[in-house]
N, C-alpha and C. Protein backbone atom coordinates (compact mmCIF):
# COMPACT_ATOMS: atom_id res chain seq x y z
N MET A 1 175.22 171.75 163.79
CA MET A 1 174.84 171.71 162.51
C MET A 1 174.95 172.85 161.75
N THR A 2 175.66 172.57 160.60
CA THR A 2 175.75 173.64 159.50
C THR A 2 174.52 173.69 158.78
N LYS A 3 174.09 175.03 158.74
CA LYS A 3 172.60 175.24 157.88
C LYS A 3 172.81 175.72 156.75
N HIS A 4 171.97 175.25 155.80
CA HIS A 4 172.09 175.62 154.35
C HIS A 4 170.86 176.73 154.15
N THR A 5 171.44 177.75 153.62
CA THR A 5 170.43 178.99 153.55
C THR A 5 169.65 178.62 152.24
N LEU A 6 168.35 178.85 152.42
CA LEU A 6 167.36 178.84 151.31
C LEU A 6 166.54 179.86 151.26
N VAL A 7 166.35 180.69 150.34
CA VAL A 7 165.51 181.90 150.31
C VAL A 7 164.15 181.63 149.70
N PHE A 8 163.18 182.00 150.50
CA PHE A 8 161.70 181.93 150.02
C PHE A 8 161.40 183.25 149.25
N ALA A 9 161.18 183.26 147.99
CA ALA A 9 161.07 184.61 147.13
C ALA A 9 159.68 185.20 147.45
N THR A 10 159.53 185.69 148.64
CA THR A 10 158.23 186.36 148.84
C THR A 10 158.53 187.56 149.95
N HIS A 11 157.75 188.65 149.92
CA HIS A 11 157.61 189.77 150.87
C HIS A 11 156.45 189.28 151.83
N ASN A 12 155.61 188.25 151.55
CA ASN A 12 154.48 187.98 152.43
C ASN A 12 154.88 187.34 153.69
N GLN A 13 154.65 187.97 154.78
CA GLN A 13 155.00 187.27 156.08
C GLN A 13 153.90 186.25 156.49
N HIS A 14 152.91 186.20 156.12
CA HIS A 14 151.80 185.27 156.12
C HIS A 14 152.33 183.98 155.71
N LYS A 15 152.70 184.02 154.41
CA LYS A 15 153.33 182.75 153.79
C LYS A 15 154.62 182.23 154.45
N LEU A 16 155.31 183.16 154.73
CA LEU A 16 156.60 182.74 155.59
C LEU A 16 156.57 181.85 156.88
N THR A 17 155.37 182.61 157.76
CA THR A 17 155.12 181.79 158.82
C THR A 17 154.74 180.43 158.62
N GLU A 18 153.75 180.21 157.60
CA GLU A 18 153.40 179.15 157.53
C GLU A 18 154.44 178.06 156.93
N VAL A 19 155.39 178.40 156.16
CA VAL A 19 156.40 177.58 155.59
C VAL A 19 157.65 177.52 156.65
N LYS A 20 157.92 178.43 157.54
CA LYS A 20 158.89 178.21 158.47
C LYS A 20 158.34 177.04 159.49
N GLU A 21 157.23 176.78 159.67
CA GLU A 21 156.62 175.68 160.48
C GLU A 21 157.03 174.36 159.94
N LEU A 22 157.01 174.21 158.59
CA LEU A 22 157.41 173.05 157.79
C LEU A 22 158.88 172.65 157.62
N MET A 23 159.79 173.50 157.78
CA MET A 23 161.26 173.38 157.23
C MET A 23 161.96 172.66 158.10
N PRO A 24 162.65 171.63 157.58
CA PRO A 24 163.93 171.13 158.51
C PRO A 24 164.64 171.82 159.19
N ARG A 25 165.18 171.38 160.18
CA ARG A 25 166.14 172.31 161.12
C ARG A 25 167.51 172.67 160.54
N TRP A 26 167.81 171.80 159.36
CA TRP A 26 169.28 172.12 158.84
C TRP A 26 169.11 173.02 157.79
N ILE A 27 167.77 173.63 157.43
CA ILE A 27 167.62 174.63 156.52
C ILE A 27 167.30 175.97 157.18
N GLU A 28 168.14 176.96 156.78
CA GLU A 28 167.93 178.48 157.53
C GLU A 28 167.13 179.04 156.43
N LEU A 29 165.79 179.36 156.60
CA LEU A 29 164.89 179.83 155.75
C LEU A 29 164.92 181.42 155.80
N LYS A 30 165.16 182.22 154.59
CA LYS A 30 165.27 183.47 154.66
C LYS A 30 164.02 184.03 153.77
N SER A 31 163.59 185.23 153.99
CA SER A 31 162.61 185.91 153.02
C SER A 31 163.42 186.74 152.22
N LEU A 32 162.78 187.49 151.21
CA LEU A 32 163.35 188.59 150.35
C LEU A 32 163.65 189.73 151.46
N ASN A 33 162.82 190.03 152.56
CA ASN A 33 163.12 191.09 153.52
C ASN A 33 164.66 190.59 154.11
N ASP A 34 164.74 189.58 154.53
CA ASP A 34 165.96 189.13 155.27
C ASP A 34 167.22 189.20 154.47
N ILE A 35 167.25 189.00 153.15
CA ILE A 35 168.25 189.42 152.35
C ILE A 35 168.31 190.60 151.68
N GLY A 36 167.52 191.58 152.26
CA GLY A 36 167.59 192.85 151.70
C GLY A 36 167.09 193.27 150.33
N TYR A 37 166.32 192.43 149.91
CA TYR A 37 165.73 192.37 148.57
C TYR A 37 164.38 193.19 148.80
N ASP A 38 164.22 194.30 148.34
CA ASP A 38 163.01 195.16 148.63
C ASP A 38 162.16 195.47 147.40
N LYS A 39 162.50 194.85 146.28
CA LYS A 39 161.77 195.30 144.89
C LYS A 39 160.65 194.24 144.76
N GLU A 40 159.58 194.86 144.06
CA GLU A 40 158.43 193.61 143.80
C GLU A 40 159.22 192.87 142.46
N ILE A 41 158.67 191.57 142.51
CA ILE A 41 159.06 190.80 141.64
C ILE A 41 158.05 190.58 140.43
N PRO A 42 158.20 190.80 139.12
CA PRO A 42 157.13 190.71 138.28
C PRO A 42 156.59 189.44 138.18
N GLU A 43 154.98 189.46 137.94
CA GLU A 43 154.34 188.38 137.71
C GLU A 43 153.56 188.33 136.65
N THR A 44 154.35 188.20 135.31
CA THR A 44 153.52 188.47 134.18
C THR A 44 153.20 187.42 133.57
N GLY A 45 153.19 186.08 134.20
CA GLY A 45 152.84 184.73 133.37
C GLY A 45 151.36 184.58 133.46
N THR A 46 150.75 183.79 132.60
CA THR A 46 149.33 183.56 132.64
C THR A 46 149.14 182.31 133.36
N THR A 47 150.08 181.49 133.76
CA THR A 47 149.98 180.34 134.63
C THR A 47 150.62 180.58 135.96
N LEU A 48 150.18 179.73 136.72
CA LEU A 48 150.98 179.55 138.15
C LEU A 48 152.22 179.16 137.94
N GLU A 49 152.41 178.03 137.10
CA GLU A 49 153.76 177.61 136.92
C GLU A 49 154.88 178.55 136.41
N ARG A 50 154.29 179.33 135.71
CA ARG A 50 155.11 180.48 134.98
C ARG A 50 155.55 181.37 135.91
N ASN A 51 154.48 181.96 136.71
CA ASN A 51 154.82 182.77 137.71
C ASN A 51 155.77 182.27 138.78
N ALA A 52 155.69 181.16 139.29
CA ALA A 52 156.52 180.61 140.38
C ALA A 52 157.92 180.66 139.73
N LEU A 53 158.10 180.12 138.45
CA LEU A 53 159.42 179.91 137.81
C LEU A 53 159.69 181.36 137.66
N GLN A 54 159.08 182.23 137.26
CA GLN A 54 159.78 183.70 136.84
C GLN A 54 160.25 184.25 138.23
N LYS A 55 159.63 184.09 139.38
CA LYS A 55 159.89 184.64 140.61
C LYS A 55 161.13 183.98 140.99
N ALA A 56 161.20 182.85 141.11
CA ALA A 56 162.49 182.01 141.67
C ALA A 56 163.72 182.22 140.97
N TYR A 57 163.70 182.36 139.46
CA TYR A 57 164.69 182.82 138.63
C TYR A 57 165.14 184.05 138.70
N THR A 58 164.17 185.25 138.97
CA THR A 58 164.77 186.42 139.14
C THR A 58 165.62 186.49 140.48
N ILE A 59 165.24 185.84 141.50
CA ILE A 59 166.15 185.91 143.02
C ILE A 59 167.38 185.04 142.53
N PHE A 60 167.26 183.93 142.03
CA PHE A 60 168.39 183.20 141.85
C PHE A 60 169.66 183.99 140.91
N SER A 61 169.00 184.44 139.89
CA SER A 61 169.97 185.10 138.97
C SER A 61 170.57 186.49 139.70
N LYS A 62 169.86 187.19 140.68
CA LYS A 62 170.41 188.37 141.05
C LYS A 62 171.21 188.13 142.47
N THR A 63 170.74 186.99 143.08
CA THR A 63 171.56 186.69 144.48
C THR A 63 172.43 185.46 144.59
N ARG A 64 172.15 184.70 143.41
CA ARG A 64 172.81 183.20 143.53
C ARG A 64 172.53 182.40 144.59
N PHE A 65 171.61 182.74 145.49
CA PHE A 65 171.28 181.98 146.57
C PHE A 65 170.28 180.90 146.16
N ASP A 66 170.28 179.45 146.76
CA ASP A 66 169.20 178.72 146.54
C ASP A 66 167.99 179.39 146.89
N CYS A 67 166.92 179.06 146.18
CA CYS A 67 165.67 179.52 146.50
C CYS A 67 164.55 178.78 145.87
N PHE A 68 163.42 179.21 146.46
CA PHE A 68 162.05 178.56 145.79
C PHE A 68 160.94 179.82 145.81
N ALA A 69 160.15 179.66 144.97
CA ALA A 69 159.00 180.52 144.88
C ALA A 69 157.61 179.74 144.77
N ASP A 70 156.61 180.34 145.07
CA ASP A 70 155.37 179.75 145.06
C ASP A 70 154.39 180.76 144.21
N ASP A 71 153.33 180.25 143.63
CA ASP A 71 152.21 181.04 143.36
C ASP A 71 151.03 180.15 143.53
N THR A 72 150.09 180.90 143.90
CA THR A 72 148.83 180.07 144.29
C THR A 72 147.52 180.84 143.74
N GLY A 73 146.72 179.74 143.20
CA GLY A 73 145.45 180.38 142.68
C GLY A 73 144.33 179.69 143.31
N LEU A 74 143.07 180.41 143.41
CA LEU A 74 141.96 179.97 143.88
C LEU A 74 141.03 179.74 142.55
N GLU A 75 140.47 178.58 142.16
CA GLU A 75 139.89 178.23 140.92
C GLU A 75 138.48 177.89 141.38
N VAL A 76 137.53 178.78 140.94
CA VAL A 76 135.99 178.48 141.29
C VAL A 76 135.29 177.80 139.91
N GLU A 77 134.72 176.83 140.15
CA GLU A 77 133.86 176.08 138.96
C GLU A 77 132.88 177.07 138.34
N ALA A 78 132.18 177.88 139.03
CA ALA A 78 131.02 178.58 138.59
C ALA A 78 131.60 179.72 137.77
N LEU A 79 132.69 180.08 138.12
CA LEU A 79 133.42 181.47 137.50
C LEU A 79 134.42 181.03 136.41
N ASN A 80 134.30 179.79 135.97
CA ASN A 80 135.13 179.11 135.01
C ASN A 80 136.62 179.37 135.19
N GLY A 81 136.91 178.99 136.47
CA GLY A 81 138.07 178.72 137.00
C GLY A 81 138.81 180.19 137.62
N GLU A 82 138.12 181.32 137.45
CA GLU A 82 138.44 182.60 138.08
C GLU A 82 138.44 182.36 139.65
N PRO A 83 139.18 183.17 140.35
CA PRO A 83 140.16 184.16 139.88
C PRO A 83 141.59 183.56 139.47
N GLY A 84 141.72 182.21 139.75
CA GLY A 84 142.94 181.60 139.18
C GLY A 84 144.21 182.45 139.36
N VAL A 85 144.89 182.46 138.18
CA VAL A 85 146.31 183.24 138.37
C VAL A 85 146.26 184.57 138.93
N TYR A 86 145.00 185.19 138.86
CA TYR A 86 144.90 186.60 139.23
C TYR A 86 144.29 186.59 140.63
N SER A 87 144.39 185.62 141.24
CA SER A 87 143.80 185.58 142.77
C SER A 87 144.16 186.76 143.60
N ALA A 88 145.39 186.96 143.57
CA ALA A 88 146.08 188.12 144.58
C ALA A 88 145.61 189.47 144.20
N ARG A 89 145.14 189.55 142.94
CA ARG A 89 144.79 191.15 142.59
C ARG A 89 143.47 191.01 141.77
N TYR A 90 142.53 190.06 142.08
CA TYR A 90 141.20 189.78 141.68
C TYR A 90 140.43 191.28 141.68
N ALA A 91 140.36 191.85 142.50
CA ALA A 91 139.64 193.19 142.73
C ALA A 91 140.70 194.36 142.31
N GLY A 92 141.86 194.16 141.63
CA GLY A 92 142.69 195.44 141.01
C GLY A 92 143.86 195.17 141.68
N ALA A 93 144.84 195.85 141.08
CA ALA A 93 146.40 196.09 141.33
C ALA A 93 146.73 196.11 142.81
N ASN A 94 145.93 196.88 143.22
CA ASN A 94 146.12 197.19 144.90
C ASN A 94 145.21 196.79 145.71
N ALA A 95 144.23 195.92 145.34
CA ALA A 95 143.31 195.37 146.27
C ALA A 95 143.92 194.66 147.48
N SER A 96 143.15 194.79 148.49
CA SER A 96 143.33 193.99 149.98
C SER A 96 142.58 192.72 149.90
N PHE A 97 143.00 191.86 150.79
CA PHE A 97 142.37 190.59 150.97
C PHE A 97 141.01 190.67 150.80
N GLU A 98 140.60 191.51 151.83
CA GLU A 98 139.01 191.79 151.93
C GLU A 98 138.26 192.13 150.58
N ASP A 99 138.85 192.87 149.81
CA ASP A 99 138.48 193.54 148.55
C ASP A 99 138.20 192.26 147.63
N ASN A 100 139.34 191.47 147.64
CA ASN A 100 139.26 190.24 146.76
C ASN A 100 138.01 189.33 147.25
N VAL A 101 138.02 189.09 148.44
CA VAL A 101 136.98 188.18 149.13
C VAL A 101 135.45 188.65 148.77
N ASN A 102 135.36 190.03 148.89
CA ASN A 102 134.01 190.49 148.81
C ASN A 102 133.77 190.55 147.44
N LEU A 103 134.63 190.72 146.60
CA LEU A 103 134.16 190.54 144.91
C LEU A 103 134.00 189.13 144.66
N LEU A 104 134.49 188.22 144.99
CA LEU A 104 134.33 186.80 144.94
C LEU A 104 132.81 186.49 145.27
N LEU A 105 132.58 186.90 146.61
CA LEU A 105 131.33 186.61 147.13
C LEU A 105 130.29 187.28 146.28
N LYS A 106 130.37 188.53 145.88
CA LYS A 106 129.36 189.27 144.98
C LYS A 106 129.12 188.58 143.58
N ASN A 107 130.41 187.95 142.83
CA ASN A 107 130.12 187.27 141.73
C ASN A 107 129.49 185.84 141.77
N LEU A 108 129.57 185.27 143.20
CA LEU A 108 128.86 184.00 143.35
C LEU A 108 127.41 184.15 143.83
N GLU A 109 126.98 185.23 143.92
CA GLU A 109 125.64 185.62 144.38
C GLU A 109 124.53 184.67 143.53
N GLY A 110 123.71 184.23 143.98
CA GLY A 110 122.73 183.34 143.34
C GLY A 110 123.13 182.10 142.46
N LYS A 111 124.28 181.67 142.79
CA LYS A 111 124.93 180.34 142.08
C LYS A 111 124.96 179.25 143.12
N GLU A 112 124.36 178.33 142.73
CA GLU A 112 124.38 177.13 143.75
C GLU A 112 125.62 176.38 143.75
N ASN A 113 126.32 176.28 142.46
CA ASN A 113 127.54 175.69 142.37
C ASN A 113 128.60 176.44 143.02
N ARG A 114 129.28 176.03 144.21
CA ARG A 114 130.16 176.84 144.81
C ARG A 114 131.54 176.15 145.05
N ASN A 115 131.83 175.00 144.11
CA ASN A 115 132.76 174.19 144.15
C ASN A 115 133.94 175.01 143.71
N ALA A 116 135.25 174.66 144.43
CA ALA A 116 136.43 175.34 144.28
C ALA A 116 137.69 174.51 144.51
N CYS A 117 138.78 175.06 143.99
CA CYS A 117 139.90 174.44 144.53
C CYS A 117 141.07 175.26 144.61
N PHE A 118 141.98 175.16 145.64
CA PHE A 118 143.32 175.94 145.76
C PHE A 118 144.18 175.25 145.11
N ARG A 119 145.08 175.85 144.48
CA ARG A 119 146.37 175.02 143.93
C ARG A 119 147.53 176.10 143.98
N THR A 120 148.60 175.27 144.59
CA THR A 120 149.98 176.04 144.97
C THR A 120 150.78 175.31 143.82
N VAL A 121 151.68 176.03 143.19
CA VAL A 121 152.89 175.52 142.39
C VAL A 121 154.07 175.99 142.98
N ILE A 122 155.13 175.18 143.41
CA ILE A 122 156.35 175.55 143.77
C ILE A 122 157.37 175.37 142.76
N TYR A 123 158.41 176.45 142.46
CA TYR A 123 159.43 176.28 141.67
C TYR A 123 160.74 176.45 142.45
N LEU A 124 161.52 175.48 142.65
CA LEU A 124 162.60 175.24 143.48
C LEU A 124 164.00 175.31 142.53
N ILE A 125 164.99 175.94 143.02
CA ILE A 125 166.42 175.94 142.44
C ILE A 125 167.25 175.42 143.70
N PHE A 126 167.79 174.34 143.76
CA PHE A 126 168.59 174.05 144.80
C PHE A 126 169.50 172.91 144.28
N ASN A 127 170.83 173.25 144.75
CA ASN A 127 172.29 172.84 144.46
C ASN A 127 172.34 172.37 142.94
N GLY A 128 171.94 173.39 142.01
CA GLY A 128 172.12 173.38 140.81
C GLY A 128 170.85 172.74 140.03
N LYS A 129 170.03 172.14 140.71
CA LYS A 129 168.89 171.54 139.98
C LYS A 129 167.60 172.26 140.11
N LYS A 130 166.60 172.18 139.38
CA LYS A 130 165.45 172.80 139.34
C LYS A 130 164.21 171.98 139.35
N TRP A 131 163.32 172.07 140.05
CA TRP A 131 162.30 171.22 140.31
C TRP A 131 160.78 171.78 140.59
N LEU A 132 159.73 171.34 140.36
CA LEU A 132 158.44 171.93 140.19
C LEU A 132 157.74 170.98 141.14
N PHE A 133 156.91 171.58 142.22
CA PHE A 133 155.92 170.80 142.98
C PHE A 133 154.42 171.39 143.14
N GLU A 134 153.69 170.47 143.21
CA GLU A 134 152.30 170.93 143.08
C GLU A 134 151.32 170.43 144.19
N GLY A 135 150.58 171.41 144.86
CA GLY A 135 149.57 170.89 145.88
C GLY A 135 148.25 171.34 145.46
N VAL A 136 147.21 170.51 145.61
CA VAL A 136 145.79 171.03 145.42
C VAL A 136 144.93 170.50 146.36
N ILE A 137 143.96 171.44 146.71
CA ILE A 137 142.94 171.09 147.64
C ILE A 137 141.37 171.50 147.41
N ASN A 138 140.72 170.63 147.20
CA ASN A 138 139.24 170.70 146.76
C ASN A 138 138.28 171.41 148.00
N GLY A 139 137.35 172.02 147.67
CA GLY A 139 136.64 172.44 148.81
C GLY A 139 135.42 173.38 148.00
N THR A 140 134.77 174.10 149.00
CA THR A 140 133.55 174.87 148.57
C THR A 140 133.70 176.38 148.93
N ILE A 141 132.98 177.36 148.39
CA ILE A 141 133.10 178.84 148.89
C ILE A 141 131.80 179.07 149.49
N THR A 142 132.05 179.39 150.87
CA THR A 142 131.03 179.64 151.89
C THR A 142 130.31 180.96 151.33
N LYS A 143 129.28 181.02 151.88
CA LYS A 143 128.28 182.28 151.50
C LYS A 143 128.67 183.40 152.49
N GLU A 144 129.39 183.46 153.59
CA GLU A 144 129.64 184.43 154.51
C GLU A 144 131.10 184.07 154.90
N LYS A 145 131.82 185.03 155.27
CA LYS A 145 133.04 184.83 155.89
C LYS A 145 132.99 184.16 157.36
N HIS A 146 133.81 183.21 157.54
CA HIS A 146 134.02 182.57 159.00
C HIS A 146 135.48 182.46 159.36
N GLY A 147 135.74 182.97 160.65
CA GLY A 147 137.08 182.90 161.34
C GLY A 147 137.73 184.21 160.89
N SER A 148 139.01 184.01 161.74
CA SER A 148 139.89 185.27 161.69
C SER A 148 141.36 184.81 161.65
N SER A 149 141.76 183.62 161.45
CA SER A 149 143.00 183.10 161.25
C SER A 149 143.29 183.25 159.80
N GLY A 150 144.52 182.86 159.35
CA GLY A 150 144.95 182.89 157.94
C GLY A 150 144.89 184.10 157.19
N PHE A 151 144.80 184.03 155.87
CA PHE A 151 144.85 185.19 155.09
C PHE A 151 144.17 185.10 153.66
N GLY A 152 144.00 186.07 152.85
CA GLY A 152 143.49 185.78 151.55
C GLY A 152 142.10 185.42 151.76
N TYR A 153 141.65 184.29 150.82
CA TYR A 153 140.49 183.86 150.70
C TYR A 153 140.26 182.68 151.85
N ASP A 154 140.96 182.66 152.79
CA ASP A 154 140.72 181.51 153.65
C ASP A 154 139.41 181.58 154.55
N PRO A 155 138.79 182.91 154.85
CA PRO A 155 137.48 182.95 155.79
C PRO A 155 136.42 182.32 154.73
N VAL A 156 136.37 182.34 153.40
CA VAL A 156 135.40 181.75 152.70
C VAL A 156 135.53 180.50 152.07
N PHE A 157 136.91 179.71 152.14
CA PHE A 157 137.24 178.41 151.65
C PHE A 157 137.06 177.20 152.72
N GLN A 158 135.94 176.35 152.52
CA GLN A 158 135.78 175.47 153.35
C GLN A 158 136.24 174.13 152.57
N PRO A 159 137.54 173.47 153.03
CA PRO A 159 138.03 172.42 152.31
C PRO A 159 137.02 171.02 152.57
N GLU A 160 137.16 170.39 151.65
CA GLU A 160 136.23 169.01 151.49
C GLU A 160 136.45 168.11 152.84
N GLY A 161 135.43 167.92 153.15
CA GLY A 161 135.55 166.95 154.39
C GLY A 161 135.41 167.77 155.61
N TYR A 162 135.50 168.92 155.66
CA TYR A 162 135.64 169.70 156.94
C TYR A 162 134.46 170.71 157.06
N ASP A 163 134.14 170.96 158.22
CA ASP A 163 132.81 171.84 158.36
C ASP A 163 133.31 173.11 158.82
N LYS A 164 134.48 173.52 158.64
CA LYS A 164 135.04 174.99 158.94
C LYS A 164 135.88 175.31 157.88
N THR A 165 136.25 176.88 157.67
CA THR A 165 137.13 177.21 156.80
C THR A 165 138.40 177.35 157.26
N PHE A 166 139.45 177.47 156.26
CA PHE A 166 140.78 177.77 156.73
C PHE A 166 141.04 178.58 157.86
N ALA A 167 140.22 179.72 157.81
CA ALA A 167 140.29 180.72 158.61
C ALA A 167 139.88 180.44 159.88
N GLU A 168 139.17 179.29 160.30
CA GLU A 168 138.90 178.86 161.62
C GLU A 168 139.82 177.81 162.07
N MET A 169 140.73 177.19 161.33
CA MET A 169 141.66 176.27 161.68
C MET A 169 143.05 176.96 162.45
N SER A 170 143.56 176.21 163.29
CA SER A 170 145.14 176.56 163.49
C SER A 170 145.97 176.38 162.55
N LEU A 171 147.14 177.01 162.57
CA LEU A 171 148.11 177.14 161.55
C LEU A 171 148.47 175.68 161.36
N GLU A 172 148.74 174.80 162.53
CA GLU A 172 149.19 173.32 162.24
C GLU A 172 148.10 172.52 161.47
N GLU A 173 146.77 172.75 161.75
CA GLU A 173 145.91 172.05 161.10
C GLU A 173 145.85 172.32 159.69
N LYS A 174 145.78 173.46 159.43
CA LYS A 174 145.66 174.08 157.91
C LYS A 174 146.91 173.53 157.24
N ASN A 175 148.10 173.60 157.72
CA ASN A 175 149.24 173.06 157.00
C ASN A 175 149.39 171.45 156.80
N LYS A 176 148.67 170.90 157.58
CA LYS A 176 148.41 169.44 157.17
C LYS A 176 147.68 169.10 155.93
N ILE A 177 146.92 170.15 155.54
CA ILE A 177 145.87 169.65 154.45
C ILE A 177 145.91 170.95 153.20
N SER A 178 146.36 171.78 153.59
CA SER A 178 146.29 173.18 152.40
C SER A 178 147.26 172.59 151.29
N HIS A 179 146.63 173.39 150.36
CA HIS A 179 147.52 173.25 149.02
C HIS A 179 148.99 173.81 149.17
N ARG A 180 149.13 174.81 149.86
CA ARG A 180 150.62 175.12 150.11
C ARG A 180 151.40 174.08 150.91
N GLY A 181 150.79 173.60 151.94
CA GLY A 181 151.22 172.65 152.87
C GLY A 181 151.40 171.19 152.06
N LEU A 182 150.56 170.93 151.09
CA LEU A 182 150.74 169.66 150.26
C LEU A 182 151.93 169.94 149.44
N ALA A 183 152.04 170.88 148.82
CA ALA A 183 153.15 171.23 147.92
C ALA A 183 154.68 171.18 148.78
N MET A 184 154.36 171.75 149.89
CA MET A 184 155.76 171.98 150.72
C MET A 184 156.14 170.59 151.04
N ILE A 185 154.99 169.66 151.55
CA ILE A 185 155.44 168.32 151.81
C ILE A 185 156.13 167.51 150.78
N LYS A 186 155.82 167.78 149.60
CA LYS A 186 156.39 167.15 148.39
C LYS A 186 157.84 167.64 148.24
N MET A 187 158.09 169.03 148.62
CA MET A 187 159.50 169.68 148.56
C MET A 187 160.50 169.10 149.66
N LEU A 188 159.80 169.03 150.76
CA LEU A 188 160.62 168.45 151.66
C LEU A 188 160.70 167.01 151.50
N ASN A 189 160.01 166.19 151.07
CA ASN A 189 160.14 164.93 151.01
C ASN A 189 161.40 164.78 149.66
N TYR A 190 161.60 165.82 148.76
CA TYR A 190 162.64 165.88 147.86
C TYR A 190 164.14 165.99 148.69
N PHE A 191 163.80 166.79 149.62
CA PHE A 191 165.05 167.02 150.52
C PHE A 191 165.46 165.89 151.11
N GLU A 192 164.59 165.04 151.57
CA GLU A 192 164.96 163.62 152.12
C GLU A 192 165.09 162.57 151.20
N GLY A 193 164.99 162.92 150.04
CA GLY A 193 165.45 161.81 148.95
C GLY A 193 164.22 160.84 148.73
N GLN A 194 163.03 161.31 149.15
CA GLN A 194 161.83 160.50 148.96
C GLN A 194 161.03 160.88 147.80
N GLU A 195 161.39 162.17 147.17
CA GLU A 195 160.31 162.53 146.04
C GLU A 195 161.14 163.13 144.99
N GLU A 196 161.03 162.81 143.75
CA GLU A 196 161.69 163.27 142.75
C GLU A 196 160.99 164.56 142.10
N GLY A 197 159.65 164.88 142.32
CA GLY A 197 159.06 165.91 141.74
C GLY A 197 159.09 165.80 140.21
N LEU A 198 159.01 167.09 139.47
CA LEU A 198 159.08 167.14 138.32
C LEU A 198 160.20 167.94 137.94
N SER A 199 161.32 167.16 137.38
CA SER A 199 162.64 168.01 137.03
C SER A 199 162.30 168.91 135.76
N LEU A 200 162.68 170.23 136.11
CA LEU A 200 162.73 171.13 134.89
C LEU A 200 163.91 171.39 134.17
N ALA A 201 164.85 170.48 134.41
CA ALA A 201 165.99 170.77 133.38
C ALA A 201 165.70 170.71 131.93
N GLY A 202 166.18 171.84 131.40
CA GLY A 202 166.04 171.88 129.90
C GLY A 202 164.62 172.53 129.45
N GLN A 203 163.76 172.78 130.30
CA GLN A 203 162.37 173.16 130.17
C GLN A 203 162.16 174.76 129.94
N GLY A 204 162.82 175.07 128.76
CA GLY A 204 162.42 176.58 128.44
C GLY A 204 163.50 177.63 128.83
N GLU A 205 162.96 178.69 128.96
CA GLU A 205 164.22 180.00 129.03
C GLU A 205 164.60 180.04 130.44
N PHE A 206 163.78 179.51 131.39
CA PHE A 206 164.01 179.87 132.76
C PHE A 206 164.56 178.47 133.35
N ALA A 207 164.74 177.53 132.55
CA ALA A 207 165.37 176.23 133.22
C ALA A 207 166.68 176.11 133.56
């Protein structure tokens, strides 16, 4: 079987591991590390859509490989949607996952409303076409960290309808319901001709 190379515009090994589990066998998924791209891609957008688009277009323009990029944000009701697009650097430019989680818990101290959602946007450039896919999952922020799997805010995000956090789930279980998993499923359905997504042809300077 001839494989089609598709680059995931990320240096994040955790994300790569999650996504590889979902990819069809005819796609050879490569990370930025795999193609020798060691630069940081700017994320200057004020929306998840803009950041995903910026990352994918940067890699495509420099490598000409079909590629996709994602951007994910945790949106907390009581914090007016924060940290949102700044989720990865909530506690500062060089913050660790733990730093971000600790700041989130601190900012939610004394707040009864702990409703939140995770939202992932994927921008895909494939065979000359450009598409956008979105995945959203609702849940709540726990008062303490639970579990040791996953990454980011997983230890404090409990998805709706479950009694455990993402960090207490297996990778397979998380992928079935997670924001990234839902967005990925839409992209995979597009590959199978079952999903058209949102065409971005002609939509602004990165289209």
